[in-house]
């Protein structure tokens, strides 16, 4: 029968404890670090890309079409399917209707892509 020394158990046990034990504030910091690493900068579209998006947005507004929008918000790219309700050229914001009753405003500078469905 194999004899395990108490000293070996203690050393192994400490290593397991050290690897598995994380303080809540350390876990929160690690999760935050992982989220920050996924962040992306705000899209910086050129005039041609903005013009192409503008055509799709105005067409969707005129014909009440649903579009798929990928946009930037607080460091992350998000997406939504919505109908364009209004384009405010003074504030450069697009008013969207998501579903039947959720209104969302997106600034033109936040847009990444707008595609017809």
PDB file of N, CA and C in Angstrom:
ATOM      1  N   UNK A   1       0.849  -1.181   0.000  1.00  0.00           N
ATOM      2  CA  UNK A   1       0.000   0.000   0.000  1.00  0.00           C
ATOM      3  C   UNK A   1       0.889   1.237   0.000  1.00  0.00           C
ATOM      4  N   UNK A   2       0.533   2.215  -0.808  1.00  0.00           N
ATOM      5  CA  UNK A   2       1.317   3.443  -0.953  1.00  0.00           C
ATOM      6  C   UNK A   2       1.037   4.378   0.212  1.00  0.00           C
ATOM      7  N   UNK A   3       2.099   4.849   0.829  1.00  0.00           N
ATOM      8  CA  UNK A   3       1.945   5.739   1.981  1.00  0.00           C
ATOM      9  C   UNK A   3       2.162   7.197   1.532  1.00  0.00           C
ATOM     10  N   UNK A   4       1.188   8.073   1.786  1.00  0.00           N
ATOM     11  CA  UNK A   4       1.291   9.493   1.443  1.00  0.00           C
ATOM     12  C   UNK A   4       1.643  10.257   2.709  1.00  0.00           C
ATOM     13  N   UNK A   5       2.677  11.049   2.614  1.00  0.00           N
ATOM     14  CA  UNK A   5       3.107  11.822   3.778  1.00  0.00           C
ATOM     15  C   UNK A   5       2.166  13.003   3.993  1.00  0.00           C
ATOM     16  N   UNK A   6       1.934  13.317   5.226  1.00  0.00           N
ATOM     17  CA  UNK A   6       1.087  14.459   5.603  1.00  0.00           C
ATOM     18  C   UNK A   6       1.635  15.751   4.997  1.00  0.00           C
ATOM     19  N   UNK A   7       2.932  15.868   4.951  1.00  0.00           N
ATOM     20  CA  UNK A   7       3.590  17.060   4.408  1.00  0.00           C
ATOM     21  C   UNK A   7       3.230  17.262   2.933  1.00  0.00           C
ATOM     22  N   UNK A   8       3.198  16.157   2.173  1.00  0.00           N
ATOM     23  CA  UNK A   8       2.841  16.247   0.756  1.00  0.00           C
ATOM     24  C   UNK A   8       1.390  16.684   0.580  1.00  0.00           C
ATOM     25  N   UNK A   9       0.516  16.177   1.415  1.00  0.00           N
ATOM     26  CA  UNK A   9      -0.897  16.565   1.335  1.00  0.00           C
ATOM     27  C   UNK A   9      -1.071  18.060   1.602  1.00  0.00           C
ATOM     28  N   UNK A  10      -0.371  18.562   2.594  1.00  0.00           N
ATOM     29  CA  UNK A  10      -0.486  19.980   2.929  1.00  0.00           C
ATOM     30  C   UNK A  10       0.002  20.860   1.790  1.00  0.00           C
ATOM     31  N   UNK A  11       1.104  20.476   1.176  1.00  0.00           N
ATOM     32  CA  UNK A  11       1.628  21.277   0.071  1.00  0.00           C
ATOM     33  C   UNK A  11       0.653  21.254  -1.107  1.00  0.00           C
ATOM     34  N   UNK A  12       0.185  20.088  -1.439  1.00  0.00           N
ATOM     35  CA  UNK A  12      -0.762  19.978  -2.552  1.00  0.00           C
ATOM     36  C   UNK A  12      -2.049  20.734  -2.234  1.00  0.00           C
ATOM     37  N   UNK A  13      -2.510  20.586  -1.015  1.00  0.00           N
ATOM     38  CA  UNK A  13      -3.731  21.263  -0.607  1.00  0.00           C
ATOM     39  C   UNK A  13      -3.607  22.773  -0.702  1.00  0.00           C
ATOM     40  N   UNK A  14      -2.480  23.298  -0.312  1.00  0.00           N
ATOM     41  CA  UNK A  14      -2.276  24.748  -0.393  1.00  0.00           C
ATOM     42  C   UNK A  14      -2.301  25.241  -1.829  1.00  0.00           C
ATOM     43  N   UNK A  15      -1.703  24.466  -2.721  1.00  0.00           N
ATOM     44  CA  UNK A  15      -1.700  24.862  -4.135  1.00  0.00           C
ATOM     45  C   UNK A  15      -3.119  24.871  -4.691  1.00  0.00           C
ATOM     46  N   UNK A  16      -3.885  23.861  -4.353  1.00  0.00           N
ATOM     47  CA  UNK A  16      -5.270  23.833  -4.810  1.00  0.00           C
ATOM     48  C   UNK A  16      -6.049  25.013  -4.253  1.00  0.00           C
ATOM     49  N   UNK A  17      -5.820  25.298  -2.986  1.00  0.00           N
ATOM     50  CA  UNK A  17      -6.501  26.411  -2.339  1.00  0.00           C
ATOM     51  C   UNK A  17      -6.146  27.721  -3.032  1.00  0.00           C
ATOM     52  N   UNK A  18      -4.882  27.929  -3.309  1.00  0.00           N
ATOM     53  CA  UNK A  18      -4.436  29.164  -3.930  1.00  0.00           C
ATOM     54  C   UNK A  18      -5.010  29.322  -5.331  1.00  0.00           C
ATOM     55  N   UNK A  19      -5.124  28.223  -6.072  1.00  0.00           N
ATOM     56  CA  UNK A  19      -5.598  28.327  -7.445  1.00  0.00           C
ATOM     57  C   UNK A  19      -7.119  28.491  -7.522  1.00  0.00           C
ATOM     58  N   UNK A  20      -7.826  27.933  -6.573  1.00  0.00           N
ATOM     59  CA  UNK A  20      -9.284  27.945  -6.666  1.00  0.00           C
ATOM     60  C   UNK A  20      -9.919  29.081  -5.878  1.00  0.00           C
ATOM     61  N   UNK A  21      -9.199  29.638  -4.943  1.00  0.00           N
ATOM     62  CA  UNK A  21      -9.774  30.664  -4.093  1.00  0.00           C
ATOM     63  C   UNK A  21      -9.509  32.046  -4.681  1.00  0.00           C
ATOM     64  N   UNK A  22     -10.589  32.742  -4.997  1.00  0.00           N
ATOM     65  CA  UNK A  22     -10.469  34.096  -5.541  1.00  0.00           C
ATOM     66  C   UNK A  22     -11.405  34.989  -4.750  1.00  0.00           C
ATOM     67  N   UNK A  23     -10.901  36.101  -4.304  1.00  0.00           N
ATOM     68  CA  UNK A  23     -11.739  37.049  -3.573  1.00  0.00           C
ATOM     69  C   UNK A  23     -12.763  37.663  -4.528  1.00  0.00           C
ATOM     70  N   UNK A  24     -13.959  37.987  -4.034  1.00  0.00           N
ATOM     71  CA  UNK A  24     -14.979  38.569  -4.910  1.00  0.00           C
ATOM     72  C   UNK A  24     -14.490  39.820  -5.650  1.00  0.00           C
ATOM     73  N   UNK A  25     -13.720  40.672  -4.976  1.00  0.00           N
ATOM     74  CA  UNK A  25     -13.254  41.884  -5.658  1.00  0.00           C
ATOM     75  C   UNK A  25     -12.229  41.558  -6.749  1.00  0.00           C
ATOM     76  N   UNK A  26     -11.474  40.464  -6.566  1.00  0.00           N
ATOM     77  CA  UNK A  26     -10.542  40.039  -7.618  1.00  0.00           C
ATOM     78  C   UNK A  26     -11.317  39.493  -8.810  1.00  0.00           C
ATOM     79  N   UNK A  27     -12.359  38.718  -8.518  1.00  0.00           N
ATOM     80  CA  UNK A  27     -13.182  38.164  -9.594  1.00  0.00           C
ATOM     81  C   UNK A  27     -13.829  39.291 -10.392  1.00  0.00           C
ATOM     82  N   UNK A  28     -14.358  40.292  -9.691  1.00  0.00           N
ATOM     83  CA  UNK A  28     -14.980  41.434 -10.366  1.00  0.00           C
ATOM     84  C   UNK A  28     -13.960  42.168 -11.227  1.00  0.00           C
ATOM     85  N   UNK A  29     -12.747  42.334 -10.706  1.00  0.00           N
ATOM     86  CA  UNK A  29     -11.697  43.029 -11.466  1.00  0.00           C
ATOM     87  C   UNK A  29     -11.317  42.236 -12.713  1.00  0.00           C
ATOM     88  N   UNK A  30     -11.227  40.910 -12.587  1.00  0.00           N
ATOM     89  CA  UNK A  30     -10.900  40.075 -13.742  1.00  0.00           C
ATOM     90  C   UNK A  30     -12.011  40.118 -14.790  1.00  0.00           C
ATOM     91  N   UNK A  31     -13.248  40.052 -14.340  1.00  0.00           N
ATOM     92  CA  UNK A  31     -14.366  40.134 -15.276  1.00  0.00           C
ATOM     93  C   UNK A  31     -14.374  41.476 -15.990  1.00  0.00           C
ATOM     94  N   UNK A  32     -14.123  42.546 -15.241  1.00  0.00           N
ATOM     95  CA  UNK A  32     -14.074  43.884 -15.842  1.00  0.00           C
ATOM     96  C   UNK A  32     -12.948  43.961 -16.867  1.00  0.00           C
ATOM     97  N   UNK A  33     -11.790  43.402 -16.537  1.00  0.00           N
ATOM     98  CA  UNK A  33     -10.655  43.405 -17.449  1.00  0.00           C
ATOM     99  C   UNK A  33     -11.013  42.668 -18.734  1.00  0.00           C
ATOM    100  N   UNK A  34     -11.687  41.526 -18.610  1.00  0.00           N
ATOM    101  CA  UNK A  34     -12.105  40.788 -19.802  1.00  0.00           C
ATOM    102  C   UNK A  34     -13.069  41.598 -20.645  1.00  0.00           C
ATOM    103  N   UNK A  35     -13.999  42.308 -20.016  1.00  0.00           N
ATOM    104  CA  UNK A  35     -14.944  43.144 -20.751  1.00  0.00           C
ATOM    105  C   UNK A  35     -14.229  44.287 -21.452  1.00  0.00           C
ATOM    106  N   UNK A  36     -13.291  44.926 -20.756  1.00  0.00           N
ATOM    107  CA  UNK A  36     -12.560  46.045 -21.345  1.00  0.00           C
ATOM    108  C   UNK A  36     -11.786  45.588 -22.580  1.00  0.00           C
ATOM    109  N   UNK A  37     -11.232  44.378 -22.510  1.00  0.00           N
ATOM    110  CA  UNK A  37     -10.478  43.868 -23.645  1.00  0.00           C
ATOM    111  C   UNK A  37     -11.357  43.638 -24.863  1.00  0.00           C
ATOM    112  N   UNK A  38     -12.655  43.466 -24.666  1.00  0.00           N
ATOM    113  CA  UNK A  38     -13.573  43.254 -25.778  1.00  0.00           C
ATOM    114  C   UNK A  38     -14.080  44.576 -26.358  1.00  0.00           C
ATOM    115  N   UNK A  39     -13.823  45.665 -25.667  1.00  0.00           N
ATOM    116  CA  UNK A  39     -14.321  46.955 -26.130  1.00  0.00           C
ATOM    117  C   UNK A  39     -13.699  47.322 -27.467  1.00  0.00           C
ATOM    118  N   UNK A  40     -14.482  48.033 -28.254  1.00  0.00           N
ATOM    119  CA  UNK A  40     -14.014  48.487 -29.566  1.00  0.00           C
ATOM    120  C   UNK A  40     -14.226  49.990 -29.667  1.00  0.00           C
ATOM    121  N   UNK A  41     -13.425  50.658 -30.484  1.00  0.00           N
ATOM    122  CA  UNK A  41     -13.612  52.097 -30.646  1.00  0.00           C
ATOM    123  C   UNK A  41     -14.867  52.394 -31.464  1.00  0.00           C
ATOM    124  N   UNK A  42     -15.355  53.593 -31.327  1.00  0.00           N
ATOM    125  CA  UNK A  42     -16.507  54.051 -32.100  1.00  0.00           C
ATOM    126  C   UNK A  42     -16.159  53.975 -33.588  1.00  0.00           C
ATOM    127  N   UNK A  43     -17.089  53.502 -34.427  1.00  0.00           N
ATOM    128  CA  UNK A  43     -16.803  53.427 -35.863  1.00  0.00           C
ATOM    129  C   UNK A  43     -16.443  54.805 -36.415  1.00  0.00           C
ATOM    130  N   UNK A  44     -15.528  54.828 -37.352  1.00  0.00           N
ATOM    131  CA  UNK A  44     -15.139  56.072 -38.000  1.00  0.00           C
ATOM    132  C   UNK A  44     -15.306  55.863 -39.500  1.00  0.00           C
ATOM    133  N   UNK A  45     -16.560  56.009 -39.953  1.00  0.00           N
ATOM    134  CA  UNK A  45     -16.871  55.725 -41.346  1.00  0.00           C
ATOM    135  C   UNK A  45     -16.481  56.907 -42.234  1.00  0.00           C
ATOM    136  N   UNK A  46     -16.080  56.584 -43.457  1.00  0.00           N
ATOM    137  CA  UNK A  46     -15.747  57.658 -44.392  1.00  0.00           C
ATOM    138  C   UNK A  46     -17.028  58.171 -45.065  1.00  0.00           C
ATOM    139  N   UNK A  47     -16.888  59.204 -45.869  1.00  0.00           N
ATOM    140  CA  UNK A  47     -18.063  59.842 -46.483  1.00  0.00           C
ATOM    141  C   UNK A  47     -18.850  58.885 -47.359  1.00  0.00           C
ATOM    142  N   UNK A  48     -18.151  58.024 -48.096  1.00  0.00           N
ATOM    143  CA  UNK A  48     -18.850  57.075 -48.970  1.00  0.00           C
ATOM    144  C   UNK A  48     -19.669  56.075 -48.149  1.00  0.00           C
ATOM    145  N   UNK A  49     -19.077  55.552 -47.072  1.00  0.00           N
ATOM    146  CA  UNK A  49     -19.798  54.600 -46.218  1.00  0.00           C
ATOM    147  C   UNK A  49     -21.022  55.261 -45.591  1.00  0.00           C
ATOM    148  N   UNK A  50     -20.859  56.507 -45.130  1.00  0.00           N
ATOM    149  CA  UNK A  50     -21.993  57.233 -44.540  1.00  0.00           C
ATOM    150  C   UNK A  50     -23.073  57.497 -45.584  1.00  0.00           C
ATOM    151  N   UNK A  51     -22.666  57.815 -46.813  1.00  0.00           N
ATOM    152  CA  UNK A  51     -23.635  58.056 -47.888  1.00  0.00           C
ATOM    153  C   UNK A  51     -24.432  56.790 -48.188  1.00  0.00           C
ATOM    154  N   UNK A  52     -23.732  55.640 -48.230  1.00  0.00           N
ATOM    155  CA  UNK A  52     -24.418  54.367 -48.488  1.00  0.00           C
ATOM    156  C   UNK A  52     -25.408  54.037 -47.375  1.00  0.00           C
ATOM    157  N   UNK A  53     -25.007  54.270 -46.131  1.00  0.00           N
ATOM    158  CA  UNK A  53     -25.915  54.053 -44.995  1.00  0.00           C
ATOM    159  C   UNK A  53     -27.093  55.012 -45.096  1.00  0.00           C
ATOM    160  N   UNK A  54     -26.823  56.258 -45.463  1.00  0.00           N
ATOM    161  CA  UNK A  54     -27.881  57.261 -45.601  1.00  0.00           C
ATOM    162  C   UNK A  54     -28.940  56.844 -46.606  1.00  0.00           C
ATOM    163  N   UNK A  55     -28.520  56.261 -47.719  1.00  0.00           N
ATOM    164  CA  UNK A  55     -29.467  55.803 -48.747  1.00  0.00           C
ATOM    165  C   UNK A  55     -30.379  54.721 -48.170  1.00  0.00           C
ATOM    166  N   UNK A  56     -29.797  53.760 -47.470  1.00  0.00           N
ATOM    167  CA  UNK A  56     -30.578  52.664 -46.883  1.00  0.00           C
ATOM    168  C   UNK A  56     -31.543  53.213 -45.826  1.00  0.00           C
ATOM    169  N   UNK A  57     -31.048  54.125 -44.973  1.00  0.00           N
ATOM    170  CA  UNK A  57     -31.878  54.693 -43.901  1.00  0.00           C
ATOM    171  C   UNK A  57     -33.045  55.489 -44.493  1.00  0.00           C
ATOM    172  N   UNK A  58     -32.780  56.333 -45.480  1.00  0.00           N
ATOM    173  CA  UNK A  58     -33.855  57.149 -46.065  1.00  0.00           C
ATOM    174  C   UNK A  58     -34.864  56.273 -46.805  1.00  0.00           C
ATOM    175  N   UNK A  59     -34.395  55.226 -47.476  1.00  0.00           N
ATOM    176  CA  UNK A  59     -35.289  54.291 -48.151  1.00  0.00           C
ATOM    177  C   UNK A  59     -36.169  53.578 -47.132  1.00  0.00           C
ATOM    178  N   UNK A  60     -35.558  53.155 -46.007  1.00  0.00           N
ATOM    179  CA  UNK A  60     -36.310  52.484 -44.944  1.00  0.00           C
ATOM    180  C   UNK A  60     -37.341  53.433 -44.334  1.00  0.00           C
ATOM    181  N   UNK A  61     -36.986  54.703 -44.188  1.00  0.00           N
ATOM    182  CA  UNK A  61     -37.914  55.696 -43.644  1.00  0.00           C
ATOM    183  C   UNK A  61     -39.098  55.896 -44.590  1.00  0.00           C
ATOM    184  N   UNK A  62     -38.812  56.088 -45.877  1.00  0.00           N
ATOM    185  CA  UNK A  62     -39.872  56.326 -46.865  1.00  0.00           C
ATOM    186  C   UNK A  62     -40.833  55.150 -46.992  1.00  0.00           C
ATOM    187  N   UNK A  63     -40.303  53.949 -46.957  1.00  0.00           N
ATOM    188  CA  UNK A  63     -41.121  52.760 -47.232  1.00  0.00           C
ATOM    189  C   UNK A  63     -41.451  51.935 -45.990  1.00  0.00           C
ATOM    190  N   UNK A  64     -41.137  52.481 -44.814  1.00  0.00           N
ATOM    191  CA  UNK A  64     -41.402  51.810 -43.545  1.00  0.00           C
ATOM    192  C   UNK A  64     -40.846  50.385 -43.521  1.00  0.00           C
ATOM    193  N   UNK A  65     -39.602  50.263 -43.943  1.00  0.00           N
ATOM    194  CA  UNK A  65     -38.938  48.964 -43.985  1.00  0.00           C
ATOM    195  C   UNK A  65     -38.197  48.693 -42.681  1.00  0.00           C
ATOM    196  N   UNK A  66     -38.098  47.425 -42.332  1.00  0.00           N
ATOM    197  CA  UNK A  66     -37.295  47.027 -41.180  1.00  0.00           C
ATOM    198  C   UNK A  66     -35.855  46.855 -41.646  1.00  0.00           C
ATOM    199  N   UNK A  67     -34.930  47.392 -40.869  1.00  0.00           N
ATOM    200  CA  UNK A  67     -33.514  47.280 -41.186  1.00  0.00           C
ATOM    201  C   UNK A  67     -32.773  46.646 -40.007  1.00  0.00           C
ATOM    202  N   UNK A  68     -31.624  46.073 -40.325  1.00  0.00           N
ATOM    203  CA  UNK A  68     -30.747  45.515 -39.288  1.00  0.00           C
ATOM    204  C   UNK A  68     -29.610  46.510 -39.106  1.00  0.00           C
ATOM    205  N   UNK A  69     -29.475  47.027 -37.889  1.00  0.00           N
ATOM    206  CA  UNK A  69     -28.482  48.058 -37.602  1.00  0.00           C
ATOM    207  C   UNK A  69     -27.444  47.512 -36.629  1.00  0.00           C
ATOM    208  N   UNK A  70     -26.187  47.666 -36.984  1.00  0.00           N
ATOM    209  CA  UNK A  70     -25.084  47.387 -36.067  1.00  0.00           C
ATOM    210  C   UNK A  70     -24.557  48.760 -35.670  1.00  0.00           C
ATOM    211  N   UNK A  71     -24.517  49.006 -34.355  1.00  0.00           N
ATOM    212  CA  UNK A  71     -24.117  50.323 -33.866  1.00  0.00           C
ATOM    213  C   UNK A  71     -23.217  50.181 -32.647  1.00  0.00           C
ATOM    214  N   UNK A  72     -22.525  51.249 -32.337  1.00  0.00           N
ATOM    215  CA  UNK A  72     -21.591  51.283 -31.220  1.00  0.00           C
ATOM    216  C   UNK A  72     -22.262  51.975 -30.049  1.00  0.00           C
ATOM    217  N   UNK A  73     -22.081  51.406 -28.842  1.00  0.00           N
ATOM    218  CA  UNK A  73     -22.633  52.037 -27.646  1.00  0.00           C
ATOM    219  C   UNK A  73     -21.720  51.721 -26.465  1.00  0.00           C
ATOM    220  N   UNK A  74     -21.155  52.758 -25.891  1.00  0.00           N
ATOM    221  CA  UNK A  74     -20.306  52.652 -24.691  1.00  0.00           C
ATOM    222  C   UNK A  74     -19.220  51.589 -24.822  1.00  0.00           C
ATOM    223  N   UNK A  75     -18.563  51.562 -25.965  1.00  0.00           N
ATOM    224  CA  UNK A  75     -17.427  50.668 -26.147  1.00  0.00           C
ATOM    225  C   UNK A  75     -17.725  49.325 -26.774  1.00  0.00           C
ATOM    226  N   UNK A  76     -18.992  49.045 -27.066  1.00  0.00           N
ATOM    227  CA  UNK A  76     -19.344  47.736 -27.599  1.00  0.00           C
ATOM    228  C   UNK A  76     -20.224  47.874 -28.834  1.00  0.00           C
ATOM    229  N   UNK A  77     -20.094  46.927 -29.761  1.00  0.00           N
ATOM    230  CA  UNK A  77     -20.982  46.883 -30.917  1.00  0.00           C
ATOM    231  C   UNK A  77     -22.228  46.090 -30.536  1.00  0.00           C
ATOM    232  N   UNK A  78     -23.370  46.671 -30.860  1.00  0.00           N
ATOM    233  CA  UNK A  78     -24.654  46.026 -30.592  1.00  0.00           C
ATOM    234  C   UNK A  78     -25.424  45.995 -31.904  1.00  0.00           C
ATOM    235  N   UNK A  79     -26.494  45.229 -31.933  1.00  0.00           N
ATOM    236  CA  UNK A  79     -27.300  45.203 -33.146  1.00  0.00           C
ATOM    237  C   UNK A  79     -28.776  45.142 -32.797  1.00  0.00           C
ATOM    238  N   UNK A  80     -29.583  45.621 -33.751  1.00  0.00           N
ATOM    239  CA  UNK A  80     -31.018  45.675 -33.529  1.00  0.00           C
ATOM    240  C   UNK A  80     -31.725  45.654 -34.880  1.00  0.00           C
ATOM    241  N   UNK A  81     -32.889  45.025 -34.901  1.00  0.00           N
ATOM    242  CA  UNK A  81     -33.778  45.102 -36.061  1.00  0.00           C
ATOM    243  C   UNK A  81     -34.856  46.112 -35.704  1.00  0.00           C
ATOM    244  N   UNK A  82     -35.050  47.119 -36.571  1.00  0.00           N
ATOM    245  CA  UNK A  82     -35.990  48.186 -36.243  1.00  0.00           C
ATOM    246  C   UNK A  82     -36.493  48.867 -37.513  1.00  0.00           C
ATOM    247  N   UNK A  83     -37.561  49.649 -37.347  1.00  0.00           N
ATOM    248  CA  UNK A  83     -38.015  50.501 -38.441  1.00  0.00           C
ATOM    249  C   UNK A  83     -37.594  51.935 -38.129  1.00  0.00           C
ATOM    250  N   UNK A  84     -37.221  52.652 -39.174  1.00  0.00           N
ATOM    251  CA  UNK A  84     -36.762  54.033 -39.022  1.00  0.00           C
ATOM    252  C   UNK A  84     -37.995  54.928 -38.935  1.00  0.00           C
ATOM    253  N   UNK A  85     -38.127  55.673 -37.837  1.00  0.00           N
ATOM    254  CA  UNK A  85     -39.263  56.563 -37.623  1.00  0.00           C
ATOM    255  C   UNK A  85     -38.979  57.993 -38.069  1.00  0.00           C
ATOM    256  N   UNK A  86     -37.724  58.419 -37.876  1.00  0.00           N
ATOM    257  CA  UNK A  86     -37.371  59.798 -38.181  1.00  0.00           C
ATOM    258  C   UNK A  86     -35.859  59.917 -38.299  1.00  0.00           C
ATOM    259  N   UNK A  87     -35.417  60.881 -39.103  1.00  0.00           N
ATOM    260  CA  UNK A  87     -34.003  61.222 -39.186  1.00  0.00           C
ATOM    261  C   UNK A  87     -33.909  62.702 -38.863  1.00  0.00           C
ATOM    262  N   UNK A  88     -33.322  63.026 -37.728  1.00  0.00           N
ATOM    263  CA  UNK A  88     -33.180  64.414 -37.295  1.00  0.00           C
ATOM    264  C   UNK A  88     -31.821  64.920 -37.756  1.00  0.00           C
ATOM    265  N   UNK A  89     -31.824  65.737 -38.800  1.00  0.00           N
ATOM    266  CA  UNK A  89     -30.560  66.195 -39.378  1.00  0.00           C
ATOM    267  C   UNK A  89     -29.886  67.265 -38.525  1.00  0.00           C
ATOM    268  N   UNK A  90     -30.624  67.891 -37.617  1.00  0.00           N
ATOM    269  CA  UNK A  90     -30.009  68.891 -36.736  1.00  0.00           C
ATOM    270  C   UNK A  90     -29.179  68.226 -35.640  1.00  0.00           C
ATOM    271  N   UNK A  91     -29.697  67.134 -35.089  1.00  0.00           N
ATOM    272  CA  UNK A  91     -28.963  66.437 -34.021  1.00  0.00           C
ATOM    273  C   UNK A  91     -28.197  65.215 -34.540  1.00  0.00           C
ATOM    274  N   UNK A  92     -28.385  64.896 -35.843  1.00  0.00           N
ATOM    275  CA  UNK A  92     -27.747  63.723 -36.465  1.00  0.00           C
ATOM    276  C   UNK A  92     -28.120  62.423 -35.758  1.00  0.00           C
ATOM    277  N   UNK A  93     -29.375  62.337 -35.325  1.00  0.00           N
ATOM    278  CA  UNK A  93     -29.844  61.120 -34.674  1.00  0.00           C
ATOM    279  C   UNK A  93     -30.958  60.478 -35.493  1.00  0.00           C
ATOM    280  N   UNK A  94     -30.998  59.158 -35.411  1.00  0.00           N
ATOM    281  CA  UNK A  94     -32.049  58.391 -36.076  1.00  0.00           C
ATOM    282  C   UNK A  94     -32.972  57.852 -34.999  1.00  0.00           C
ATOM    283  N   UNK A  95     -34.259  58.084 -35.183  1.00  0.00           N
ATOM    284  CA  UNK A  95     -35.256  57.559 -34.248  1.00  0.00           C
ATOM    285  C   UNK A  95     -35.759  56.236 -34.806  1.00  0.00           C
ATOM    286  N   UNK A  96     -35.655  55.202 -33.974  1.00  0.00           N
ATOM    287  CA  UNK A  96     -36.046  53.860 -34.391  1.00  0.00           C
ATOM    288  C   UNK A  96     -37.195  53.342 -33.553  1.00  0.00           C
ATOM    289  N   UNK A  97     -37.986  52.495 -34.170  1.00  0.00           N
ATOM    290  CA  UNK A  97     -39.012  51.759 -33.435  1.00  0.00           C
ATOM    291  C   UNK A  97     -38.586  50.300 -33.432  1.00  0.00           C
ATOM    292  N   UNK A  98     -38.301  49.801 -32.224  1.00  0.00           N
ATOM    293  CA  UNK A  98     -37.874  48.414 -32.046  1.00  0.00           C
ATOM    294  C   UNK A  98     -39.083  47.638 -31.538  1.00  0.00           C
ATOM    295  N   UNK A  99     -39.456  46.606 -32.267  1.00  0.00           N
ATOM    296  CA  UNK A  99     -40.653  45.867 -31.886  1.00  0.00           C
ATOM    297  C   UNK A  99     -41.867  46.751 -32.097  1.00  0.00           C
ATOM    298  N   UNK A 100     -42.815  46.693 -31.156  1.00  0.00           N
ATOM    299  CA  UNK A 100     -44.037  47.473 -31.321  1.00  0.00           C
ATOM    300  C   UNK A 100     -44.065  48.745 -30.503  1.00  0.00           C
ATOM    301  N   UNK A 101     -43.193  48.833 -29.459  1.00  0.00           N
ATOM    302  CA  UNK A 101     -43.342  50.004 -28.599  1.00  0.00           C
ATOM    303  C   UNK A 101     -42.038  50.587 -28.031  1.00  0.00           C
ATOM    304  N   UNK A 102     -40.881  50.037 -28.394  1.00  0.00           N
ATOM    305  CA  UNK A 102     -39.625  50.569 -27.862  1.00  0.00           C
ATOM    306  C   UNK A 102     -39.022  51.565 -28.847  1.00  0.00           C
ATOM    307  N   UNK A 103     -38.819  52.791 -28.385  1.00  0.00           N
ATOM    308  CA  UNK A 103     -38.204  53.829 -29.209  1.00  0.00           C
ATOM    309  C   UNK A 103     -36.739  53.942 -28.812  1.00  0.00           C
ATOM    310  N   UNK A 104     -35.878  54.002 -29.819  1.00  0.00           N
ATOM    311  CA  UNK A 104     -34.437  54.084 -29.580  1.00  0.00           C
ATOM    312  C   UNK A 104     -33.866  55.162 -30.498  1.00  0.00           C
ATOM    313  N   UNK A 105     -32.928  55.938 -29.951  1.00  0.00           N
ATOM    314  CA  UNK A 105     -32.252  56.961 -30.738  1.00  0.00           C
ATOM    315  C   UNK A 105     -30.788  56.568 -30.888  1.00  0.00           C
ATOM    316  N   UNK A 106     -30.286  56.635 -32.105  1.00  0.00           N
ATOM    317  CA  UNK A 106     -28.876  56.327 -32.366  1.00  0.00           C
ATOM    318  C   UNK A 106     -28.276  57.477 -33.153  1.00  0.00           C
ATOM    319  N   UNK A 107     -27.141  57.964 -32.678  1.00  0.00           N
ATOM    320  CA  UNK A 107     -26.431  59.034 -33.386  1.00  0.00           C
ATOM    321  C   UNK A 107     -25.758  58.439 -34.618  1.00  0.00           C
ATOM    322  N   UNK A 108     -25.708  59.217 -35.685  1.00  0.00           N
ATOM    323  CA  UNK A 108     -25.112  58.754 -36.935  1.00  0.00           C
ATOM    324  C   UNK A 108     -23.673  58.277 -36.726  1.00  0.00           C
ATOM    325  N   UNK A 109     -22.927  58.931 -35.845  1.00  0.00           N
ATOM    326  CA  UNK A 109     -21.532  58.545 -35.601  1.00  0.00           C
ATOM    327  C   UNK A 109     -21.409  57.175 -34.942  1.00  0.00           C
ATOM    328  N   UNK A 110     -22.488  56.674 -34.342  1.00  0.00           N
ATOM    329  CA  UNK A 110     -22.477  55.362 -33.696  1.00  0.00           C
ATOM    330  C   UNK A 110     -22.714  54.230 -34.676  1.00  0.00           C
ATOM    331  N   UNK A 111     -23.170  54.543 -35.888  1.00  0.00           N
ATOM    332  CA  UNK A 111     -23.538  53.515 -36.845  1.00  0.00           C
ATOM    333  C   UNK A 111     -22.332  52.795 -37.407  1.00  0.00           C
ATOM    334  N   UNK A 112     -22.447  51.490 -37.499  1.00  0.00           N
ATOM    335  CA  UNK A 112     -21.419  50.664 -38.146  1.00  0.00           C
ATOM    336  C   UNK A 112     -21.938  50.184 -39.490  1.00  0.00           C
ATOM    337  N   UNK A 113     -23.139  49.569 -39.470  1.00  0.00           N
ATOM    338  CA  UNK A 113     -23.787  49.133 -40.713  1.00  0.00           C
ATOM    339  C   UNK A 113     -25.300  49.241 -40.563  1.00  0.00           C
ATOM    340  N   UNK A 114     -25.970  49.446 -41.706  1.00  0.00           N
ATOM    341  CA  UNK A 114     -27.433  49.406 -41.772  1.00  0.00           C
ATOM    342  C   UNK A 114     -27.771  48.601 -43.021  1.00  0.00           C
ATOM    343  N   UNK A 115     -28.474  47.488 -42.815  1.00  0.00           N
ATOM    344  CA  UNK A 115     -28.797  46.597 -43.947  1.00  0.00           C
ATOM    345  C   UNK A 115     -30.303  46.349 -44.023  1.00  0.00           C
ATOM    346  N   UNK A 116     -30.798  46.282 -45.260  1.00  0.00           N
ATOM    347  CA  UNK A 116     -32.188  45.923 -45.469  1.00  0.00           C
ATOM    348  C   UNK A 116     -32.378  44.456 -45.082  1.00  0.00           C
ATOM    349  N   UNK A 117     -33.558  44.151 -44.573  1.00  0.00           N
ATOM    350  CA  UNK A 117     -33.879  42.752 -44.250  1.00  0.00           C
ATOM    351  C   UNK A 117     -34.676  42.133 -45.381  1.00  0.00           C
TER     352      UNK A 117
END
